[in-house]
PDB file of N, CA and C in Angstrom:
ATOM      1  N   UNK A   1      27.961   0.980   8.135  1.00  0.00           N
ATOM      2  CA  UNK A   1      26.848   0.209   8.668  1.00  0.00           C
ATOM      3  C   UNK A   1      26.830  -1.151   7.966  1.00  0.00           C
ATOM      4  N   UNK A   2      26.696  -2.204   8.752  1.00  0.00           N
ATOM      5  CA  UNK A   2      26.674  -3.532   8.155  1.00  0.00           C
ATOM      6  C   UNK A   2      25.280  -3.814   7.570  1.00  0.00           C
ATOM      7  N   UNK A   3      25.218  -4.813   6.693  1.00  0.00           N
ATOM      8  CA  UNK A   3      23.972  -5.128   5.984  1.00  0.00           C
ATOM      9  C   UNK A   3      22.834  -5.492   6.932  1.00  0.00           C
ATOM     10  N   UNK A   4      23.095  -6.279   7.954  1.00  0.00           N
ATOM     11  CA  UNK A   4      22.036  -6.693   8.877  1.00  0.00           C
ATOM     12  C   UNK A   4      21.438  -5.492   9.603  1.00  0.00           C
ATOM     13  N   UNK A   5      22.283  -4.577  10.042  1.00  0.00           N
ATOM     14  CA  UNK A   5      21.798  -3.371  10.717  1.00  0.00           C
ATOM     15  C   UNK A   5      20.971  -2.526   9.761  1.00  0.00           C
ATOM     16  N   UNK A   6      21.434  -2.384   8.521  1.00  0.00           N
ATOM     17  CA  UNK A   6      20.697  -1.625   7.517  1.00  0.00           C
ATOM     18  C   UNK A   6      19.322  -2.245   7.278  1.00  0.00           C
ATOM     19  N   UNK A   7      19.275  -3.559   7.149  1.00  0.00           N
ATOM     20  CA  UNK A   7      18.007  -4.270   6.938  1.00  0.00           C
ATOM     21  C   UNK A   7      17.062  -4.038   8.121  1.00  0.00           C
ATOM     22  N   UNK A   8      17.598  -4.111   9.332  1.00  0.00           N
ATOM     23  CA  UNK A   8      16.771  -3.907  10.524  1.00  0.00           C
ATOM     24  C   UNK A   8      16.229  -2.481  10.593  1.00  0.00           C
ATOM     25  N   UNK A   9      17.039  -1.509  10.227  1.00  0.00           N
ATOM     26  CA  UNK A   9      16.598  -0.110  10.222  1.00  0.00           C
ATOM     27  C   UNK A   9      15.549   0.107   9.140  1.00  0.00           C
ATOM     28  N   UNK A  10      15.776  -0.467   7.952  1.00  0.00           N
ATOM     29  CA  UNK A  10      14.778  -0.350   6.879  1.00  0.00           C
ATOM     30  C   UNK A  10      13.457  -0.994   7.289  1.00  0.00           C
ATOM     31  N   UNK A  11      13.520  -2.156   7.930  1.00  0.00           N
ATOM     32  CA  UNK A  11      12.302  -2.835   8.386  1.00  0.00           C
ATOM     33  C   UNK A  11      11.579  -1.997   9.437  1.00  0.00           C
ATOM     34  N   UNK A  12      12.320  -1.382  10.340  1.00  0.00           N
ATOM     35  CA  UNK A  12      11.708  -0.534  11.369  1.00  0.00           C
ATOM     36  C   UNK A  12      11.042   0.684  10.731  1.00  0.00           C
ATOM     37  N   UNK A  13      11.679   1.257   9.726  1.00  0.00           N
ATOM     38  CA  UNK A  13      11.080   2.407   9.038  1.00  0.00           C
ATOM     39  C   UNK A  13       9.804   1.993   8.301  1.00  0.00           C
ATOM     40  N   UNK A  14       9.807   0.821   7.694  1.00  0.00           N
ATOM     41  CA  UNK A  14       8.604   0.313   7.026  1.00  0.00           C
ATOM     42  C   UNK A  14       7.482   0.095   8.038  1.00  0.00           C
ATOM     43  N   UNK A  15       7.813  -0.504   9.171  1.00  0.00           N
ATOM     44  CA  UNK A  15       6.786  -0.736  10.202  1.00  0.00           C
ATOM     45  C   UNK A  15       6.217   0.584  10.705  1.00  0.00           C
ATOM     46  N   UNK A  16       7.061   1.594  10.836  1.00  0.00           N
ATOM     47  CA  UNK A  16       6.581   2.905  11.297  1.00  0.00           C
ATOM     48  C   UNK A  16       5.701   3.560  10.239  1.00  0.00           C
ATOM     49  N   UNK A  17       6.056   3.418   8.964  1.00  0.00           N
ATOM     50  CA  UNK A  17       5.213   3.938   7.890  1.00  0.00           C
ATOM     51  C   UNK A  17       3.858   3.246   7.914  1.00  0.00           C
ATOM     52  N   UNK A  18       3.860   1.940   8.070  1.00  0.00           N
ATOM     53  CA  UNK A  18       2.612   1.191   8.144  1.00  0.00           C
ATOM     54  C   UNK A  18       1.766   1.671   9.316  1.00  0.00           C
ATOM     55  N   UNK A  19       2.379   1.834  10.482  1.00  0.00           N
ATOM     56  CA  UNK A  19       1.645   2.321  11.654  1.00  0.00           C
ATOM     57  C   UNK A  19       1.051   3.695  11.378  1.00  0.00           C
ATOM     58  N   UNK A  20       1.821   4.567  10.764  1.00  0.00           N
ATOM     59  CA  UNK A  20       1.346   5.914  10.460  1.00  0.00           C
ATOM     60  C   UNK A  20       0.113   5.866   9.559  1.00  0.00           C
ATOM     61  N   UNK A  21       0.175   5.038   8.511  1.00  0.00           N
ATOM     62  CA  UNK A  21      -0.934   4.975   7.553  1.00  0.00           C
ATOM     63  C   UNK A  21      -2.129   4.199   8.075  1.00  0.00           C
ATOM     64  N   UNK A  22      -1.881   3.183   8.903  1.00  0.00           N
ATOM     65  CA  UNK A  22      -2.967   2.309   9.345  1.00  0.00           C
ATOM     66  C   UNK A  22      -3.593   2.749  10.664  1.00  0.00           C
ATOM     67  N   UNK A  23      -2.834   3.436  11.506  1.00  0.00           N
ATOM     68  CA  UNK A  23      -3.343   3.814  12.823  1.00  0.00           C
ATOM     69  C   UNK A  23      -3.446   5.326  13.013  1.00  0.00           C
ATOM     70  N   UNK A  24      -2.403   6.043  12.617  1.00  0.00           N
ATOM     71  CA  UNK A  24      -2.362   7.483  12.873  1.00  0.00           C
ATOM     72  C   UNK A  24      -3.170   8.286  11.857  1.00  0.00           C
ATOM     73  N   UNK A  25      -3.211   7.834  10.613  1.00  0.00           N
ATOM     74  CA  UNK A  25      -3.841   8.625   9.543  1.00  0.00           C
ATOM     75  C   UNK A  25      -4.798   7.784   8.701  1.00  0.00           C
ATOM     76  N   UNK A  26      -5.725   7.140   9.372  1.00  0.00           N
ATOM     77  CA  UNK A  26      -6.745   6.365   8.663  1.00  0.00           C
ATOM     78  C   UNK A  26      -7.632   7.274   7.816  1.00  0.00           C
ATOM     79  N   UNK A  27      -7.624   8.569   8.117  1.00  0.00           N
ATOM     80  CA  UNK A  27      -8.439   9.529   7.379  1.00  0.00           C
ATOM     81  C   UNK A  27      -7.905   9.800   5.977  1.00  0.00           C
ATOM     82  N   UNK A  28      -6.630   9.537   5.754  1.00  0.00           N
ATOM     83  CA  UNK A  28      -6.035   9.787   4.439  1.00  0.00           C
ATOM     84  C   UNK A  28      -6.487   8.685   3.494  1.00  0.00           C
ATOM     85  N   UNK A  29      -7.102   9.082   2.403  1.00  0.00           N
ATOM     86  CA  UNK A  29      -7.654   8.135   1.445  1.00  0.00           C
ATOM     87  C   UNK A  29      -6.576   7.615   0.499  1.00  0.00           C
ATOM     88  N   UNK A  30      -6.674   6.337   0.132  1.00  0.00           N
ATOM     89  CA  UNK A  30      -5.742   5.744  -0.824  1.00  0.00           C
ATOM     90  C   UNK A  30      -5.720   6.532  -2.128  1.00  0.00           C
ATOM     91  N   UNK A  31      -6.885   6.950  -2.586  1.00  0.00           N
ATOM     92  CA  UNK A  31      -6.946   7.654  -3.875  1.00  0.00           C
ATOM     93  C   UNK A  31      -6.166   8.962  -3.803  1.00  0.00           C
ATOM     94  N   UNK A  32      -6.219   9.651  -2.656  1.00  0.00           N
ATOM     95  CA  UNK A  32      -5.457  10.890  -2.509  1.00  0.00           C
ATOM     96  C   UNK A  32      -3.957  10.615  -2.491  1.00  0.00           C
ATOM     97  N   UNK A  33      -3.563   9.535  -1.806  1.00  0.00           N
ATOM     98  CA  UNK A  33      -2.147   9.161  -1.788  1.00  0.00           C
ATOM     99  C   UNK A  33      -1.663   8.848  -3.205  1.00  0.00           C
ATOM    100  N   UNK A  34      -2.454   8.066  -3.930  1.00  0.00           N
ATOM    101  CA  UNK A  34      -2.065   7.691  -5.287  1.00  0.00           C
ATOM    102  C   UNK A  34      -1.971   8.931  -6.181  1.00  0.00           C
ATOM    103  N   UNK A  35      -2.936   9.807  -6.055  1.00  0.00           N
ATOM    104  CA  UNK A  35      -2.954  10.992  -6.905  1.00  0.00           C
ATOM    105  C   UNK A  35      -1.794  11.940  -6.593  1.00  0.00           C
ATOM    106  N   UNK A  36      -1.390  12.003  -5.339  1.00  0.00           N
ATOM    107  CA  UNK A  36      -0.317  12.923  -4.958  1.00  0.00           C
ATOM    108  C   UNK A  36       1.069  12.296  -5.006  1.00  0.00           C
ATOM    109  N   UNK A  37       1.165  11.031  -4.607  1.00  0.00           N
ATOM    110  CA  UNK A  37       2.483  10.423  -4.451  1.00  0.00           C
ATOM    111  C   UNK A  37       2.770   9.281  -5.416  1.00  0.00           C
ATOM    112  N   UNK A  38       1.737   8.786  -6.107  1.00  0.00           N
ATOM    113  CA  UNK A  38       1.957   7.695  -7.045  1.00  0.00           C
ATOM    114  C   UNK A  38       1.993   6.325  -6.394  1.00  0.00           C
ATOM    115  N   UNK A  39       1.629   6.240  -5.115  1.00  0.00           N
ATOM    116  CA  UNK A  39       1.504   4.956  -4.438  1.00  0.00           C
ATOM    117  C   UNK A  39       0.480   5.107  -3.322  1.00  0.00           C
ATOM    118  N   UNK A  40      -0.002   3.970  -2.819  1.00  0.00           N
ATOM    119  CA  UNK A  40      -0.970   3.986  -1.720  1.00  0.00           C
ATOM    120  C   UNK A  40      -0.776   2.734  -0.873  1.00  0.00           C
ATOM    121  N   UNK A  41      -1.672   2.523   0.065  1.00  0.00           N
ATOM    122  CA  UNK A  41      -1.586   1.339   0.923  1.00  0.00           C
ATOM    123  C   UNK A  41      -1.635   0.058   0.104  1.00  0.00           C
ATOM    124  N   UNK A  42      -2.451   0.044  -0.946  1.00  0.00           N
ATOM    125  CA  UNK A  42      -2.531  -1.156  -1.792  1.00  0.00           C
ATOM    126  C   UNK A  42      -1.196  -1.435  -2.477  1.00  0.00           C
ATOM    127  N   UNK A  43      -0.511  -0.390  -2.885  1.00  0.00           N
ATOM    128  CA  UNK A  43       0.814  -0.571  -3.486  1.00  0.00           C
ATOM    129  C   UNK A  43       1.769  -1.182  -2.464  1.00  0.00           C
ATOM    130  N   UNK A  44       1.738  -0.672  -1.240  1.00  0.00           N
ATOM    131  CA  UNK A  44       2.605  -1.213  -0.193  1.00  0.00           C
ATOM    132  C   UNK A  44       2.303  -2.687   0.064  1.00  0.00           C
ATOM    133  N   UNK A  45       1.018  -3.036   0.073  1.00  0.00           N
ATOM    134  CA  UNK A  45       0.682  -4.456   0.275  1.00  0.00           C
ATOM    135  C   UNK A  45       1.128  -5.289  -0.919  1.00  0.00           C
ATOM    136  N   UNK A  46       1.050  -4.724  -2.123  1.00  0.00           N
ATOM    137  CA  UNK A  46       1.503  -5.452  -3.318  1.00  0.00           C
ATOM    138  C   UNK A  46       3.022  -5.642  -3.271  1.00  0.00           C
ATOM    139  N   UNK A  47       3.745  -4.629  -2.852  1.00  0.00           N
ATOM    140  CA  UNK A  47       5.199  -4.749  -2.744  1.00  0.00           C
ATOM    141  C   UNK A  47       5.570  -5.790  -1.688  1.00  0.00           C
ATOM    142  N   UNK A  48       4.799  -5.869  -0.618  1.00  0.00           N
ATOM    143  CA  UNK A  48       4.986  -6.894   0.409  1.00  0.00           C
ATOM    144  C   UNK A  48       4.781  -8.274  -0.216  1.00  0.00           C
ATOM    145  N   UNK A  49       3.708  -8.409  -0.977  1.00  0.00           N
ATOM    146  CA  UNK A  49       3.410  -9.682  -1.656  1.00  0.00           C
ATOM    147  C   UNK A  49       4.536 -10.053  -2.609  1.00  0.00           C
ATOM    148  N   UNK A  50       4.994  -9.117  -3.402  1.00  0.00           N
ATOM    149  CA  UNK A  50       6.064  -9.388  -4.368  1.00  0.00           C
ATOM    150  C   UNK A  50       7.345  -9.819  -3.659  1.00  0.00           C
ATOM    151  N   UNK A  51       7.661  -9.166  -2.539  1.00  0.00           N
ATOM    152  CA  UNK A  51       8.861  -9.538  -1.778  1.00  0.00           C
ATOM    153  C   UNK A  51       8.729 -10.949  -1.213  1.00  0.00           C
ATOM    154  N   UNK A  52       7.534 -11.274  -0.706  1.00  0.00           N
ATOM    155  CA  UNK A  52       7.305 -12.636  -0.208  1.00  0.00           C
ATOM    156  C   UNK A  52       7.449 -13.650  -1.326  1.00  0.00           C
ATOM    157  N   UNK A  53       6.837 -13.365  -2.475  1.00  0.00           N
ATOM    158  CA  UNK A  53       6.912 -14.277  -3.619  1.00  0.00           C
ATOM    159  C   UNK A  53       8.354 -14.470  -4.081  1.00  0.00           C
ATOM    160  N   UNK A  54       9.146 -13.395  -4.060  1.00  0.00           N
ATOM    161  CA  UNK A  54      10.560 -13.505  -4.451  1.00  0.00           C
ATOM    162  C   UNK A  54      11.340 -14.416  -3.504  1.00  0.00           C
ATOM    163  N   UNK A  55      10.889 -14.509  -2.268  1.00  0.00           N
ATOM    164  CA  UNK A  55      11.528 -15.389  -1.277  1.00  0.00           C
ATOM    165  C   UNK A  55      10.942 -16.798  -1.305  1.00  0.00           C
ATOM    166  N   UNK A  56      10.058 -17.074  -2.278  1.00  0.00           N
ATOM    167  CA  UNK A  56       9.468 -18.394  -2.405  1.00  0.00           C
ATOM    168  C   UNK A  56       8.254 -18.614  -1.514  1.00  0.00           C
ATOM    169  N   UNK A  57       7.735 -17.560  -0.936  1.00  0.00           N
ATOM    170  CA  UNK A  57       6.546 -17.647  -0.092  1.00  0.00           C
ATOM    171  C   UNK A  57       5.339 -17.303  -0.955  1.00  0.00           C
ATOM    172  N   UNK A  58       4.454 -18.279  -1.132  1.00  0.00           N
ATOM    173  CA  UNK A  58       3.265 -18.034  -1.943  1.00  0.00           C
ATOM    174  C   UNK A  58       2.303 -17.152  -1.167  1.00  0.00           C
ATOM    175  N   UNK A  59       1.932 -16.037  -1.780  1.00  0.00           N
ATOM    176  CA  UNK A  59       1.016 -15.107  -1.151  1.00  0.00           C
ATOM    177  C   UNK A  59       0.249 -14.399  -2.255  1.00  0.00           C
ATOM    178  N   UNK A  60      -1.058 -14.416  -2.157  1.00  0.00           N
ATOM    179  CA  UNK A  60      -1.907 -13.734  -3.123  1.00  0.00           C
ATOM    180  C   UNK A  60      -2.200 -12.306  -2.708  1.00  0.00           C
ATOM    181  N   UNK A  61      -2.852 -11.584  -3.594  1.00  0.00           N
ATOM    182  CA  UNK A  61      -3.164 -10.172  -3.377  1.00  0.00           C
ATOM    183  C   UNK A  61      -3.999  -9.959  -2.115  1.00  0.00           C
ATOM    184  N   UNK A  62      -5.064 -10.723  -1.963  1.00  0.00           N
ATOM    185  CA  UNK A  62      -5.943 -10.520  -0.805  1.00  0.00           C
ATOM    186  C   UNK A  62      -5.243 -10.877   0.498  1.00  0.00           C
ATOM    187  N   UNK A  63      -4.438 -11.936   0.485  1.00  0.00           N
ATOM    188  CA  UNK A  63      -3.690 -12.324   1.685  1.00  0.00           C
ATOM    189  C   UNK A  63      -2.701 -11.225   2.076  1.00  0.00           C
ATOM    190  N   UNK A  64      -1.997 -10.660   1.087  1.00  0.00           N
ATOM    191  CA  UNK A  64      -1.041  -9.586   1.355  1.00  0.00           C
ATOM    192  C   UNK A  64      -1.752  -8.350   1.895  1.00  0.00           C
ATOM    193  N   UNK A  65      -2.914  -8.045   1.326  1.00  0.00           N
ATOM    194  CA  UNK A  65      -3.667  -6.892   1.828  1.00  0.00           C
ATOM    195  C   UNK A  65      -4.097  -7.114   3.269  1.00  0.00           C
ATOM    196  N   UNK A  66      -4.519  -8.327   3.591  1.00  0.00           N
ATOM    197  CA  UNK A  66      -4.943  -8.592   4.965  1.00  0.00           C
ATOM    198  C   UNK A  66      -3.763  -8.487   5.925  1.00  0.00           C
ATOM    199  N   UNK A  67      -2.596  -8.946   5.512  1.00  0.00           N
ATOM    200  CA  UNK A  67      -1.399  -8.800   6.340  1.00  0.00           C
ATOM    201  C   UNK A  67      -1.113  -7.312   6.545  1.00  0.00           C
ATOM    202  N   UNK A  68      -1.128  -6.546   5.472  1.00  0.00           N
ATOM    203  CA  UNK A  68      -0.774  -5.127   5.564  1.00  0.00           C
ATOM    204  C   UNK A  68      -1.837  -4.324   6.314  1.00  0.00           C
ATOM    205  N   UNK A  69      -3.106  -4.537   5.952  1.00  0.00           N
ATOM    206  CA  UNK A  69      -4.189  -3.767   6.563  1.00  0.00           C
ATOM    207  C   UNK A  69      -4.539  -4.244   7.974  1.00  0.00           C
ATOM    208  N   UNK A  70      -4.150  -5.461   8.325  1.00  0.00           N
ATOM    209  CA  UNK A  70      -4.483  -5.998   9.624  1.00  0.00           C
ATOM    210  C   UNK A  70      -5.928  -6.470   9.727  1.00  0.00           C
ATOM    211  N   UNK A  71      -6.579  -6.578   8.590  1.00  0.00           N
ATOM    212  CA  UNK A  71      -7.970  -7.014   8.492  1.00  0.00           C
ATOM    213  C   UNK A  71      -8.260  -7.232   7.014  1.00  0.00           C
ATOM    214  N   UNK A  72      -9.332  -7.919   6.693  1.00  0.00           N
ATOM    215  CA  UNK A  72      -9.680  -8.038   5.273  1.00  0.00           C
ATOM    216  C   UNK A  72      -9.862  -6.645   4.651  1.00  0.00           C
ATOM    217  N   UNK A  73      -9.418  -6.502   3.423  1.00  0.00           N
ATOM    218  CA  UNK A  73      -9.491  -5.207   2.748  1.00  0.00           C
ATOM    219  C   UNK A  73     -10.929  -4.700   2.676  1.00  0.00           C
ATOM    220  N   UNK A  74     -11.889  -5.595   2.473  1.00  0.00           N
ATOM    221  CA  UNK A  74     -13.289  -5.174   2.409  1.00  0.00           C
ATOM    222  C   UNK A  74     -13.724  -4.521   3.720  1.00  0.00           C
ATOM    223  N   UNK A  75     -13.226  -5.037   4.836  1.00  0.00           N
ATOM    224  CA  UNK A  75     -13.541  -4.454   6.143  1.00  0.00           C
ATOM    225  C   UNK A  75     -12.926  -3.062   6.272  1.00  0.00           C
ATOM    226  N   UNK A  76     -11.667  -2.922   5.833  1.00  0.00           N
ATOM    227  CA  UNK A  76     -11.001  -1.603   5.864  1.00  0.00           C
ATOM    228  C   UNK A  76     -11.809  -0.597   5.050  1.00  0.00           C
ATOM    229  N   UNK A  77     -12.201  -0.995   3.843  1.00  0.00           N
ATOM    230  CA  UNK A  77     -12.962  -0.079   2.991  1.00  0.00           C
ATOM    231  C   UNK A  77     -14.262   0.337   3.663  1.00  0.00           C
ATOM    232  N   UNK A  78     -14.979  -0.601   4.268  1.00  0.00           N
ATOM    233  CA  UNK A  78     -16.236  -0.280   4.947  1.00  0.00           C
ATOM    234  C   UNK A  78     -16.022   0.706   6.091  1.00  0.00           C
ATOM    235  N   UNK A  79     -14.916   0.563   6.800  1.00  0.00           N
ATOM    236  CA  UNK A  79     -14.659   1.412   7.963  1.00  0.00           C
ATOM    237  C   UNK A  79     -14.111   2.788   7.599  1.00  0.00           C
ATOM    238  N   UNK A  80     -13.262   2.854   6.580  1.00  0.00           N
ATOM    239  CA  UNK A  80     -12.472   4.068   6.389  1.00  0.00           C
ATOM    240  C   UNK A  80     -12.552   4.725   5.010  1.00  0.00           C
ATOM    241  N   UNK A  81     -12.963   4.016   3.997  1.00  0.00           N
ATOM    242  CA  UNK A  81     -12.933   4.589   2.649  1.00  0.00           C
ATOM    243  C   UNK A  81     -14.173   5.431   2.394  1.00  0.00           C
ATOM    244  N   UNK A  82     -13.968   6.583   1.785  1.00  0.00           N
ATOM    245  CA  UNK A  82     -15.067   7.468   1.421  1.00  0.00           C
ATOM    246  C   UNK A  82     -15.218   7.498  -0.094  1.00  0.00           C
ATOM    247  N   UNK A  83     -16.338   8.001  -0.560  1.00  0.00           N
ATOM    248  CA  UNK A  83     -16.585   8.106  -1.998  1.00  0.00           C
ATOM    249  C   UNK A  83     -15.641   9.144  -2.614  1.00  0.00           C
ATOM    250  N   UNK A  84     -15.159   8.843  -3.785  1.00  0.00           N
ATOM    251  CA  UNK A  84     -14.307   9.777  -4.525  1.00  0.00           C
ATOM    252  C   UNK A  84     -15.106  10.351  -5.683  1.00  0.00           C
ATOM    253  N   UNK A  85     -15.025  11.645  -5.839  1.00  0.00           N
ATOM    254  CA  UNK A  85     -15.733  12.311  -6.923  1.00  0.00           C
ATOM    255  C   UNK A  85     -15.076  12.048  -8.267  1.00  0.00           C
ATOM    256  N   UNK A  86     -15.739  12.481  -9.340  1.00  0.00           N
ATOM    257  CA  UNK A  86     -15.230  12.238 -10.696  1.00  0.00           C
ATOM    258  C   UNK A  86     -13.832  12.806 -10.944  1.00  0.00           C
ATOM    259  N   UNK A  87     -13.533  13.969 -10.363  1.00  0.00           N
ATOM    260  CA  UNK A  87     -12.208  14.566 -10.569  1.00  0.00           C
ATOM    261  C   UNK A  87     -11.112  13.698  -9.959  1.00  0.00           C
ATOM    262  N   UNK A  88     -11.354  13.196  -8.737  1.00  0.00           N
ATOM    263  CA  UNK A  88     -10.366  12.328  -8.090  1.00  0.00           C
ATOM    264  C   UNK A  88     -10.230  11.009  -8.839  1.00  0.00           C
ATOM    265  N   UNK A  89     -11.346  10.484  -9.332  1.00  0.00           N
ATOM    266  CA  UNK A  89     -11.303   9.220 -10.070  1.00  0.00           C
ATOM    267  C   UNK A  89     -10.516   9.379 -11.367  1.00  0.00           C
ATOM    268  N   UNK A  90     -10.703  10.500 -12.060  1.00  0.00           N
ATOM    269  CA  UNK A  90      -9.955  10.750 -13.300  1.00  0.00           C
ATOM    270  C   UNK A  90      -8.467  10.895 -13.011  1.00  0.00           C
ATOM    271  N   UNK A  91      -8.138  11.616 -11.955  1.00  0.00           N
ATOM    272  CA  UNK A  91      -6.729  11.774 -11.585  1.00  0.00           C
ATOM    273  C   UNK A  91      -6.124  10.429 -11.198  1.00  0.00           C
ATOM    274  N   UNK A  92      -6.922   9.590 -10.519  1.00  0.00           N
ATOM    275  CA  UNK A  92      -6.455   8.260 -10.142  1.00  0.00           C
ATOM    276  C   UNK A  92      -6.144   7.417 -11.371  1.00  0.00           C
ATOM    277  N   UNK A  93      -7.034   7.431 -12.360  1.00  0.00           N
ATOM    278  CA  UNK A  93      -6.805   6.646 -13.577  1.00  0.00           C
ATOM    279  C   UNK A  93      -5.475   7.022 -14.215  1.00  0.00           C
ATOM    280  N   UNK A  94      -5.186   8.312 -14.263  1.00  0.00           N
ATOM    281  CA  UNK A  94      -3.923   8.791 -14.830  1.00  0.00           C
ATOM    282  C   UNK A  94      -2.740   8.337 -13.980  1.00  0.00           C
ATOM    283  N   UNK A  95      -2.842   8.523 -12.667  1.00  0.00           N
ATOM    284  CA  UNK A  95      -1.755   8.145 -11.774  1.00  0.00           C
ATOM    285  C   UNK A  95      -1.515   6.644 -11.786  1.00  0.00           C
ATOM    286  N   UNK A  96      -2.597   5.869 -11.792  1.00  0.00           N
ATOM    287  CA  UNK A  96      -2.473   4.413 -11.816  1.00  0.00           C
ATOM    288  C   UNK A  96      -1.747   3.975 -13.083  1.00  0.00           C
ATOM    289  N   UNK A  97      -2.141   4.547 -14.209  1.00  0.00           N
ATOM    290  CA  UNK A  97      -1.508   4.201 -15.485  1.00  0.00           C
ATOM    291  C   UNK A  97      -0.013   4.544 -15.463  1.00  0.00           C
ATOM    292  N   UNK A  98       0.325   5.682 -14.885  1.00  0.00           N
ATOM    293  CA  UNK A  98       1.717   6.134 -14.855  1.00  0.00           C
ATOM    294  C   UNK A  98       2.568   5.369 -13.851  1.00  0.00           C
ATOM    295  N   UNK A  99       1.958   4.914 -12.767  1.00  0.00           N
ATOM    296  CA  UNK A  99       2.752   4.358 -11.662  1.00  0.00           C
ATOM    297  C   UNK A  99       2.608   2.871 -11.427  1.00  0.00           C
ATOM    298  N   UNK A 100       1.507   2.267 -11.884  1.00  0.00           N
ATOM    299  CA  UNK A 100       1.244   0.877 -11.552  1.00  0.00           C
ATOM    300  C   UNK A 100       1.165  -0.019 -12.781  1.00  0.00           C
ATOM    301  N   UNK A 101       0.456   0.412 -13.787  1.00  0.00           N
ATOM    302  CA  UNK A 101       0.267  -0.417 -14.972  1.00  0.00           C
ATOM    303  C   UNK A 101       1.596  -0.744 -15.613  1.00  0.00           C
ATOM    304  N   UNK A 102       1.746  -1.986 -16.016  1.00  0.00           N
ATOM    305  CA  UNK A 102       2.962  -2.424 -16.689  1.00  0.00           C
ATOM    306  C   UNK A 102       3.170  -1.599 -17.953  1.00  0.00           C
ATOM    307  N   UNK A 103       4.316  -0.961 -18.021  1.00  0.00           N
ATOM    308  CA  UNK A 103       4.613  -0.082 -19.154  1.00  0.00           C
ATOM    309  C   UNK A 103       5.373  -0.786 -20.258  1.00  0.00           C
ATOM    310  N   UNK A 104       5.713  -2.050 -20.021  1.00  0.00           N
ATOM    311  CA  UNK A 104       6.589  -2.644 -20.982  1.00  0.00           C
ATOM    312  C   UNK A 104       6.106  -3.839 -21.641  1.00  0.00           C
TER     313      UNK A 104
END
């Protein structure tokens, strides 16, 4: 497989993952994703931002989230985010530290 085809297939898989998380499974909470998988929609938007920045495209956190979420993040939270209990919040703190916080 040539590089261009591989890139196109990877991009299509990313778009399908985004569709799944943003349209098909809006019920799945970011905190549950982070606690189970070590990443969430916010991580995906951050990775999008980092990739844009690496290409010389200036993009901030909120702009990347709006691109990924298809709306301002505050609007997404109002529509779809539910309260997380203390157990989920504690698990999130651990997962965030292990998967997101700079370790070095």
